[in-house]
């Protein structure tokens, strides 16, 4: 199989490892051991934790960006909108 480069990102490496384990179990004949299921479960919990942290950081960054843009808008004096009168040509 050809995988795209992961650039050393831990979340990508974890997802690739989980996929490898799941594919190995899917292709295997016979019973699945508890240790194998626990490995996948631990990987899934770790992936979920990474994704939660990323989502929280994204929210914080969006809030900070919105706060900064609100401050920038409020720093300008409040002038009424000017309408541009178009003169007939």
PDB file of N, CA and C in Angstrom:
ATOM      1  N   UNK A   1       0.838  -1.188   0.000  1.00  0.00           N
ATOM      2  CA  UNK A   1       0.000   0.000   0.000  1.00  0.00           C
ATOM      3  C   UNK A   1       0.878   1.244   0.000  1.00  0.00           C
ATOM      4  N   UNK A   2       0.360   2.289  -0.605  1.00  0.00           N
ATOM      5  CA  UNK A   2       1.086   3.560  -0.624  1.00  0.00           C
ATOM      6  C   UNK A   2       0.348   4.557   0.265  1.00  0.00           C
ATOM      7  N   UNK A   3       1.029   5.015   1.300  1.00  0.00           N
ATOM      8  CA  UNK A   3       0.446   5.986   2.206  1.00  0.00           C
ATOM      9  C   UNK A   3       1.001   7.367   1.899  1.00  0.00           C
ATOM     10  N   UNK A   4       0.173   8.399   2.033  1.00  0.00           N
ATOM     11  CA  UNK A   4       0.713   9.752   1.867  1.00  0.00           C
ATOM     12  C   UNK A   4       1.692  10.050   2.998  1.00  0.00           C
ATOM     13  N   UNK A   5       2.631  10.958   2.771  1.00  0.00           N
ATOM     14  CA  UNK A   5       3.595  11.257   3.841  1.00  0.00           C
ATOM     15  C   UNK A   5       2.871  11.841   5.052  1.00  0.00           C
ATOM     16  N   UNK A   6       3.305  11.438   6.240  1.00  0.00           N
ATOM     17  CA  UNK A   6       2.657  11.930   7.454  1.00  0.00           C
ATOM     18  C   UNK A   6       3.388  13.127   8.045  1.00  0.00           C
ATOM     19  N   UNK A   7       4.537  13.470   7.491  1.00  0.00           N
ATOM     20  CA  UNK A   7       5.320  14.609   7.954  1.00  0.00           C
ATOM     21  C   UNK A   7       5.628  14.530   9.442  1.00  0.00           C
ATOM     22  N   UNK A   8       5.587  13.326  10.005  1.00  0.00           N
ATOM     23  CA  UNK A   8       5.914  13.149  11.411  1.00  0.00           C
ATOM     24  C   UNK A   8       4.830  13.613  12.360  1.00  0.00           C
ATOM     25  N   UNK A   9       3.620  13.840  11.863  1.00  0.00           N
ATOM     26  CA  UNK A   9       2.537  14.308  12.719  1.00  0.00           C
ATOM     27  C   UNK A   9       1.982  13.146  13.542  1.00  0.00           C
ATOM     28  N   UNK A  10       1.974  13.291  14.856  1.00  0.00           N
ATOM     29  CA  UNK A  10       1.536  12.172  15.712  1.00  0.00           C
ATOM     30  C   UNK A  10       0.112  11.708  15.427  1.00  0.00           C
ATOM     31  N   UNK A  11      -0.808  12.623  15.165  1.00  0.00           N
ATOM     32  CA  UNK A  11      -2.189  12.215  14.922  1.00  0.00           C
ATOM     33  C   UNK A  11      -2.287  11.347  13.672  1.00  0.00           C
ATOM     34  N   UNK A  12      -1.580  11.709  12.632  1.00  0.00           N
ATOM     35  CA  UNK A  12      -1.593  10.919  11.398  1.00  0.00           C
ATOM     36  C   UNK A  12      -0.976   9.546  11.649  1.00  0.00           C
ATOM     37  N   UNK A  13       0.118   9.506  12.396  1.00  0.00           N
ATOM     38  CA  UNK A  13       0.764   8.224  12.707  1.00  0.00           C
ATOM     39  C   UNK A  13      -0.168   7.324  13.506  1.00  0.00           C
ATOM     40  N   UNK A  14      -0.895   7.903  14.457  1.00  0.00           N
ATOM     41  CA  UNK A  14      -1.834   7.107  15.251  1.00  0.00           C
ATOM     42  C   UNK A  14      -2.953   6.537  14.379  1.00  0.00           C
ATOM     43  N   UNK A  15      -3.479   7.365  13.488  1.00  0.00           N
ATOM     44  CA  UNK A  15      -4.553   6.890  12.606  1.00  0.00           C
ATOM     45  C   UNK A  15      -4.061   5.795  11.669  1.00  0.00           C
ATOM     46  N   UNK A  16      -2.839   5.950  11.170  1.00  0.00           N
ATOM     47  CA  UNK A  16      -2.288   4.910  10.300  1.00  0.00           C
ATOM     48  C   UNK A  16      -2.092   3.612  11.067  1.00  0.00           C
ATOM     49  N   UNK A  17      -1.616   3.700  12.288  1.00  0.00           N
ATOM     50  CA  UNK A  17      -1.415   2.496  13.109  1.00  0.00           C
ATOM     51  C   UNK A  17      -2.746   1.811  13.388  1.00  0.00           C
ATOM     52  N   UNK A  18      -3.776   2.614  13.707  1.00  0.00           N
ATOM     53  CA  UNK A  18      -5.111   2.045  13.960  1.00  0.00           C
ATOM     54  C   UNK A  18      -5.617   1.327  12.717  1.00  0.00           C
ATOM     55  N   UNK A  19      -5.463   1.963  11.561  1.00  0.00           N
ATOM     56  CA  UNK A  19      -5.912   1.352  10.307  1.00  0.00           C
ATOM     57  C   UNK A  19      -5.183   0.036  10.052  1.00  0.00           C
ATOM     58  N   UNK A  20      -3.879   0.025  10.274  1.00  0.00           N
ATOM     59  CA  UNK A  20      -3.105  -1.207  10.075  1.00  0.00           C
ATOM     60  C   UNK A  20      -3.614  -2.332  10.964  1.00  0.00           C
ATOM     61  N   UNK A  21      -3.898  -2.022  12.229  1.00  0.00           N
ATOM     62  CA  UNK A  21      -4.392  -3.045  13.154  1.00  0.00           C
ATOM     63  C   UNK A  21      -5.770  -3.557  12.740  1.00  0.00           C
ATOM     64  N   UNK A  22      -6.636  -2.646  12.328  1.00  0.00           N
ATOM     65  CA  UNK A  22      -7.989  -3.043  11.927  1.00  0.00           C
ATOM     66  C   UNK A  22      -7.939  -3.910  10.674  1.00  0.00           C
ATOM     67  N   UNK A  23      -7.129  -3.515   9.698  1.00  0.00           N
ATOM     68  CA  UNK A  23      -7.008  -4.304   8.466  1.00  0.00           C
ATOM     69  C   UNK A  23      -6.438  -5.680   8.778  1.00  0.00           C
ATOM     70  N   UNK A  24      -5.450  -5.745   9.662  1.00  0.00           N
ATOM     71  CA  UNK A  24      -4.860  -7.035  10.031  1.00  0.00           C
ATOM     72  C   UNK A  24      -5.908  -7.939  10.685  1.00  0.00           C
ATOM     73  N   UNK A  25      -6.765  -7.372  11.515  1.00  0.00           N
ATOM     74  CA  UNK A  25      -7.807  -8.176  12.156  1.00  0.00           C
ATOM     75  C   UNK A  25      -8.871  -8.606  11.153  1.00  0.00           C
ATOM     76  N   UNK A  26      -9.189  -7.724  10.232  1.00  0.00           N
ATOM     77  CA  UNK A  26     -10.215  -8.028   9.242  1.00  0.00           C
ATOM     78  C   UNK A  26      -9.772  -9.182   8.339  1.00  0.00           C
ATOM     79  N   UNK A  27      -8.506  -9.237   8.025  1.00  0.00           N
ATOM     80  CA  UNK A  27      -7.989 -10.255   7.110  1.00  0.00           C
ATOM     81  C   UNK A  27      -7.628 -11.567   7.801  1.00  0.00           C
ATOM     82  N   UNK A  28      -7.732 -11.610   9.093  1.00  0.00           N
ATOM     83  CA  UNK A  28      -7.310 -12.785   9.829  1.00  0.00           C
ATOM     84  C   UNK A  28      -8.456 -13.761  10.036  1.00  0.00           C
ATOM     85  N   UNK A  29      -8.098 -15.020  10.032  1.00  0.00           N
ATOM     86  CA  UNK A  29      -9.061 -16.073  10.341  1.00  0.00           C
ATOM     87  C   UNK A  29      -8.877 -16.451  11.808  1.00  0.00           C
ATOM     88  N   UNK A  30      -9.952 -16.753  12.464  1.00  0.00           N
ATOM     89  CA  UNK A  30      -9.848 -17.192  13.848  1.00  0.00           C
ATOM     90  C   UNK A  30     -10.246 -16.094  14.826  1.00  0.00           C
ATOM     91  N   UNK A  31     -10.181 -16.434  16.100  1.00  0.00           N
ATOM     92  CA  UNK A  31     -10.620 -15.488  17.130  1.00  0.00           C
ATOM     93  C   UNK A  31      -9.671 -14.288  17.263  1.00  0.00           C
ATOM     94  N   UNK A  32     -10.262 -13.198  17.698  1.00  0.00           N
ATOM     95  CA  UNK A  32      -9.498 -11.967  17.924  1.00  0.00           C
ATOM     96  C   UNK A  32      -9.204 -11.876  19.415  1.00  0.00           C
ATOM     97  N   UNK A  33      -7.964 -11.624  19.745  1.00  0.00           N
ATOM     98  CA  UNK A  33      -7.560 -11.559  21.144  1.00  0.00           C
ATOM     99  C   UNK A  33      -7.936 -10.248  21.815  1.00  0.00           C
ATOM    100  N   UNK A  34      -8.107 -10.320  23.121  1.00  0.00           N
ATOM    101  CA  UNK A  34      -8.443  -9.119  23.900  1.00  0.00           C
ATOM    102  C   UNK A  34      -7.346  -8.061  23.810  1.00  0.00           C
ATOM    103  N   UNK A  35      -6.100  -8.502  23.777  1.00  0.00           N
ATOM    104  CA  UNK A  35      -4.988  -7.552  23.694  1.00  0.00           C
ATOM    105  C   UNK A  35      -5.054  -6.734  22.409  1.00  0.00           C
ATOM    106  N   UNK A  36      -5.418  -7.383  21.321  1.00  0.00           N
ATOM    107  CA  UNK A  36      -5.517  -6.677  20.045  1.00  0.00           C
ATOM    108  C   UNK A  36      -6.644  -5.643  20.073  1.00  0.00           C
ATOM    109  N   UNK A  37      -7.759  -6.026  20.641  1.00  0.00           N
ATOM    110  CA  UNK A  37      -8.874  -5.076  20.750  1.00  0.00           C
ATOM    111  C   UNK A  37      -8.525  -3.921  21.680  1.00  0.00           C
ATOM    112  N   UNK A  38      -7.798  -4.226  22.752  1.00  0.00           N
ATOM    113  CA  UNK A  38      -7.380  -3.166  23.671  1.00  0.00           C
ATOM    114  C   UNK A  38      -6.428  -2.182  22.998  1.00  0.00           C
ATOM    115  N   UNK A  39      -5.540  -2.699  22.148  1.00  0.00           N
ATOM    116  CA  UNK A  39      -4.622  -1.820  21.414  1.00  0.00           C
ATOM    117  C   UNK A  39      -5.396  -0.839  20.540  1.00  0.00           C
ATOM    118  N   UNK A  40      -6.373  -1.360  19.833  1.00  0.00           N
ATOM    119  CA  UNK A  40      -7.181  -0.501  18.967  1.00  0.00           C
ATOM    120  C   UNK A  40      -7.976   0.499  19.801  1.00  0.00           C
ATOM    121  N   UNK A  41      -8.531   0.054  20.910  1.00  0.00           N
ATOM    122  CA  UNK A  41      -9.306   0.948  21.771  1.00  0.00           C
ATOM    123  C   UNK A  41      -8.440   2.068  22.341  1.00  0.00           C
ATOM    124  N   UNK A  42      -7.226   1.727  22.754  1.00  0.00           N
ATOM    125  CA  UNK A  42      -6.312   2.746  23.293  1.00  0.00           C
ATOM    126  C   UNK A  42      -5.951   3.751  22.207  1.00  0.00           C
ATOM    127  N   UNK A  43      -5.674   3.251  21.004  1.00  0.00           N
ATOM    128  CA  UNK A  43      -5.373   4.157  19.896  1.00  0.00           C
ATOM    129  C   UNK A  43      -6.555   5.077  19.605  1.00  0.00           C
ATOM    130  N   UNK A  44      -7.767   4.507  19.612  1.00  0.00           N
ATOM    131  CA  UNK A  44      -8.953   5.314  19.335  1.00  0.00           C
ATOM    132  C   UNK A  44      -9.149   6.386  20.398  1.00  0.00           C
ATOM    133  N   UNK A  45      -8.943   6.052  21.657  1.00  0.00           N
ATOM    134  CA  UNK A  45      -9.069   7.039  22.733  1.00  0.00           C
ATOM    135  C   UNK A  45      -8.026   8.145  22.575  1.00  0.00           C
ATOM    136  N   UNK A  46      -6.824   7.770  22.209  1.00  0.00           N
ATOM    137  CA  UNK A  46      -5.758   8.752  22.019  1.00  0.00           C
ATOM    138  C   UNK A  46      -6.072   9.663  20.840  1.00  0.00           C
ATOM    139  N   UNK A  47      -6.552   9.088  19.751  1.00  0.00           N
ATOM    140  CA  UNK A  47      -6.939   9.880  18.580  1.00  0.00           C
ATOM    141  C   UNK A  47      -8.057  10.854  18.950  1.00  0.00           C
ATOM    142  N   UNK A  48      -9.049  10.369  19.676  1.00  0.00           N
ATOM    143  CA  UNK A  48     -10.158  11.236  20.096  1.00  0.00           C
ATOM    144  C   UNK A  48      -9.673  12.377  20.977  1.00  0.00           C
ATOM    145  N   UNK A  49      -8.731  12.083  21.865  1.00  0.00           N
ATOM    146  CA  UNK A  49      -8.184  13.125  22.737  1.00  0.00           C
ATOM    147  C   UNK A  49      -7.446  14.180  21.914  1.00  0.00           C
ATOM    148  N   UNK A  50      -6.644  13.748  20.947  1.00  0.00           N
ATOM    149  CA  UNK A  50      -5.954  14.679  20.049  1.00  0.00           C
ATOM    150  C   UNK A  50      -6.970  15.566  19.330  1.00  0.00           C
ATOM    151  N   UNK A  51      -8.010  14.939  18.769  1.00  0.00           N
ATOM    152  CA  UNK A  51      -9.003  15.687  18.003  1.00  0.00           C
ATOM    153  C   UNK A  51      -9.763  16.676  18.880  1.00  0.00           C
ATOM    154  N   UNK A  52     -10.044  16.295  20.139  1.00  0.00           N
ATOM    155  CA  UNK A  52     -10.705  17.217  21.067  1.00  0.00           C
ATOM    156  C   UNK A  52      -9.835  18.430  21.357  1.00  0.00           C
ATOM    157  N   UNK A  53      -8.553  18.195  21.568  1.00  0.00           N
ATOM    158  CA  UNK A  53      -7.629  19.301  21.845  1.00  0.00           C
ATOM    159  C   UNK A  53      -7.536  20.222  20.628  1.00  0.00           C
ATOM    160  N   UNK A  54      -7.447  19.632  19.443  1.00  0.00           N
ATOM    161  CA  UNK A  54      -7.379  20.434  18.225  1.00  0.00           C
ATOM    162  C   UNK A  54      -8.647  21.266  18.065  1.00  0.00           C
ATOM    163  N   UNK A  55      -9.802  20.676  18.315  1.00  0.00           N
ATOM    164  CA  UNK A  55     -11.068  21.410  18.207  1.00  0.00           C
ATOM    165  C   UNK A  55     -11.117  22.554  19.215  1.00  0.00           C
ATOM    166  N   UNK A  56     -10.664  22.302  20.452  1.00  0.00           N
ATOM    167  CA  UNK A  56     -10.633  23.363  21.462  1.00  0.00           C
ATOM    168  C   UNK A  56      -9.710  24.499  21.044  1.00  0.00           C
ATOM    169  N   UNK A  57      -8.543  24.155  20.524  1.00  0.00           N
ATOM    170  CA  UNK A  57      -7.604  25.183  20.073  1.00  0.00           C
ATOM    171  C   UNK A  57      -8.174  25.978  18.903  1.00  0.00           C
ATOM    172  N   UNK A  58      -8.866  25.290  17.993  1.00  0.00           N
ATOM    173  CA  UNK A  58      -9.504  25.988  16.874  1.00  0.00           C
ATOM    174  C   UNK A  58     -10.554  26.971  17.373  1.00  0.00           C
ATOM    175  N   UNK A  59     -11.350  26.544  18.355  1.00  0.00           N
ATOM    176  CA  UNK A  59     -12.382  27.432  18.914  1.00  0.00           C
ATOM    177  C   UNK A  59     -11.741  28.642  19.587  1.00  0.00           C
ATOM    178  N   UNK A  60     -10.704  28.402  20.365  1.00  0.00           N
ATOM    179  CA  UNK A  60     -10.021  29.508  21.032  1.00  0.00           C
ATOM    180  C   UNK A  60      -9.426  30.478  20.012  1.00  0.00           C
ATOM    181  N   UNK A  61      -8.852  29.939  18.955  1.00  0.00           N
ATOM    182  CA  UNK A  61      -8.253  30.789  17.930  1.00  0.00           C
ATOM    183  C   UNK A  61      -9.339  31.587  17.212  1.00  0.00           C
ATOM    184  N   UNK A  62     -10.475  30.952  16.904  1.00  0.00           N
ATOM    185  CA  UNK A  62     -11.569  31.659  16.252  1.00  0.00           C
ATOM    186  C   UNK A  62     -12.130  32.756  17.154  1.00  0.00           C
ATOM    187  N   UNK A  63     -12.262  32.463  18.442  1.00  0.00           N
ATOM    188  CA  UNK A  63     -12.757  33.470  19.386  1.00  0.00           C
ATOM    189  C   UNK A  63     -11.788  34.646  19.476  1.00  0.00           C
ATOM    190  N   UNK A  64     -10.497  34.355  19.516  1.00  0.00           N
ATOM    191  CA  UNK A  64      -9.495  35.415  19.584  1.00  0.00           C
ATOM    192  C   UNK A  64      -9.521  36.255  18.315  1.00  0.00           C
ATOM    193  N   UNK A  65      -9.679  35.603  17.181  1.00  0.00           N
ATOM    194  CA  UNK A  65      -9.755  36.321  15.909  1.00  0.00           C
ATOM    195  C   UNK A  65     -10.995  37.191  15.870  1.00  0.00           C
ATOM    196  N   UNK A  66     -12.133  36.652  16.332  1.00  0.00           N
ATOM    197  CA  UNK A  66     -13.372  37.427  16.345  1.00  0.00           C
ATOM    198  C   UNK A  66     -13.266  38.608  17.311  1.00  0.00           C
ATOM    199  N   UNK A  67     -12.653  38.394  18.472  1.00  0.00           N
ATOM    200  CA  UNK A  67     -12.480  39.479  19.434  1.00  0.00           C
ATOM    201  C   UNK A  67     -11.622  40.585  18.844  1.00  0.00           C
ATOM    202  N   UNK A  68     -10.550  40.207  18.165  1.00  0.00           N
ATOM    203  CA  UNK A  68      -9.670  41.200  17.553  1.00  0.00           C
ATOM    204  C   UNK A  68     -10.374  41.959  16.444  1.00  0.00           C
ATOM    205  N   UNK A  69     -11.171  41.268  15.634  1.00  0.00           N
ATOM    206  CA  UNK A  69     -11.865  41.956  14.544  1.00  0.00           C
ATOM    207  C   UNK A  69     -12.954  42.863  15.098  1.00  0.00           C
ATOM    208  N   UNK A  70     -13.620  42.460  16.185  1.00  0.00           N
ATOM    209  CA  UNK A  70     -14.623  43.318  16.811  1.00  0.00           C
ATOM    210  C   UNK A  70     -13.974  44.579  17.358  1.00  0.00           C
ATOM    211  N   UNK A  71     -12.812  44.448  17.971  1.00  0.00           N
ATOM    212  CA  UNK A  71     -12.113  45.605  18.515  1.00  0.00           C
ATOM    213  C   UNK A  71     -11.675  46.534  17.397  1.00  0.00           C
ATOM    214  N   UNK A  72     -11.228  45.965  16.287  1.00  0.00           N
ATOM    215  CA  UNK A  72     -10.787  46.789  15.167  1.00  0.00           C
ATOM    216  C   UNK A  72     -11.959  47.564  14.593  1.00  0.00           C
ATOM    217  N   UNK A  73     -13.119  46.923  14.493  1.00  0.00           N
ATOM    218  CA  UNK A  73     -14.296  47.605  13.958  1.00  0.00           C
ATOM    219  C   UNK A  73     -14.742  48.694  14.925  1.00  0.00           C
ATOM    220  N   UNK A  74     -14.708  48.430  16.224  1.00  0.00           N
ATOM    221  CA  UNK A  74     -15.140  49.412  17.211  1.00  0.00           C
ATOM    222  C   UNK A  74     -14.170  50.581  17.323  1.00  0.00           C
ATOM    223  N   UNK A  75     -12.930  50.400  16.874  1.00  0.00           N
ATOM    224  CA  UNK A  75     -11.961  51.476  17.011  1.00  0.00           C
ATOM    225  C   UNK A  75     -12.171  52.571  15.976  1.00  0.00           C
ATOM    226  N   UNK A  76     -12.915  52.270  14.922  1.00  0.00           N
ATOM    227  CA  UNK A  76     -13.196  53.285  13.923  1.00  0.00           C
ATOM    228  C   UNK A  76     -14.372  54.144  14.377  1.00  0.00           C
ATOM    229  N   UNK A  77     -14.349  55.442  14.064  1.00  0.00           N
ATOM    230  CA  UNK A  77     -15.489  56.282  14.422  1.00  0.00           C
ATOM    231  C   UNK A  77     -16.730  55.839  13.655  1.00  0.00           C
ATOM    232  N   UNK A  78     -17.859  56.011  14.281  1.00  0.00           N
ATOM    233  CA  UNK A  78     -19.116  55.572  13.675  1.00  0.00           C
ATOM    234  C   UNK A  78     -19.678  56.672  12.795  1.00  0.00           C
ATOM    235  N   UNK A  79     -19.394  56.599  11.531  1.00  0.00           N
ATOM    236  CA  UNK A  79     -19.958  57.532  10.559  1.00  0.00           C
ATOM    237  C   UNK A  79     -21.081  56.828   9.842  1.00  0.00           C
ATOM    238  N   UNK A  80     -22.073  57.608   9.431  1.00  0.00           N
ATOM    239  CA  UNK A  80     -23.167  57.024   8.663  1.00  0.00           C
ATOM    240  C   UNK A  80     -22.688  56.600   7.296  1.00  0.00           C
ATOM    241  N   UNK A  81     -23.420  55.709   6.700  1.00  0.00           N
ATOM    242  CA  UNK A  81     -23.068  55.281   5.347  1.00  0.00           C
ATOM    243  C   UNK A  81     -23.375  56.397   4.375  1.00  0.00           C
ATOM    244  N   UNK A  82     -22.463  56.572   3.483  1.00  0.00           N
ATOM    245  CA  UNK A  82     -22.709  57.561   2.438  1.00  0.00           C
ATOM    246  C   UNK A  82     -23.175  56.832   1.201  1.00  0.00           C
ATOM    247  N   UNK A  83     -24.211  57.354   0.613  1.00  0.00           N
ATOM    248  CA  UNK A  83     -24.659  56.750  -0.637  1.00  0.00           C
ATOM    249  C   UNK A  83     -23.984  57.503  -1.775  1.00  0.00           C
ATOM    250  N   UNK A  84     -23.637  56.751  -2.749  1.00  0.00           N
ATOM    251  CA  UNK A  84     -22.983  57.331  -3.916  1.00  0.00           C
ATOM    252  C   UNK A  84     -24.048  57.594  -4.951  1.00  0.00           C
ATOM    253  N   UNK A  85     -24.252  58.873  -5.252  1.00  0.00           N
ATOM    254  CA  UNK A  85     -25.280  59.222  -6.242  1.00  0.00           C
ATOM    255  C   UNK A  85     -24.680  59.065  -7.622  1.00  0.00           C
ATOM    256  N   UNK A  86     -25.361  58.316  -8.423  1.00  0.00           N
ATOM    257  CA  UNK A  86     -24.894  58.128  -9.792  1.00  0.00           C
ATOM    258  C   UNK A  86     -25.577  59.166 -10.663  1.00  0.00           C
ATOM    259  N   UNK A  87     -24.796  59.963 -11.338  1.00  0.00           N
ATOM    260  CA  UNK A  87     -25.378  60.953 -12.232  1.00  0.00           C
ATOM    261  C   UNK A  87     -25.582  60.322 -13.605  1.00  0.00           C
ATOM    262  N   UNK A  88     -26.682  60.676 -14.258  1.00  0.00           N
ATOM    263  CA  UNK A  88     -26.915  60.099 -15.580  1.00  0.00           C
ATOM    264  C   UNK A  88     -25.858  60.550 -16.557  1.00  0.00           C
ATOM    265  N   UNK A  89     -25.439  59.688 -17.425  1.00  0.00           N
ATOM    266  CA  UNK A  89     -24.381  60.014 -18.372  1.00  0.00           C
ATOM    267  C   UNK A  89     -24.895  60.592 -19.631  1.00  0.00           C
TER     268      UNK A  89
END
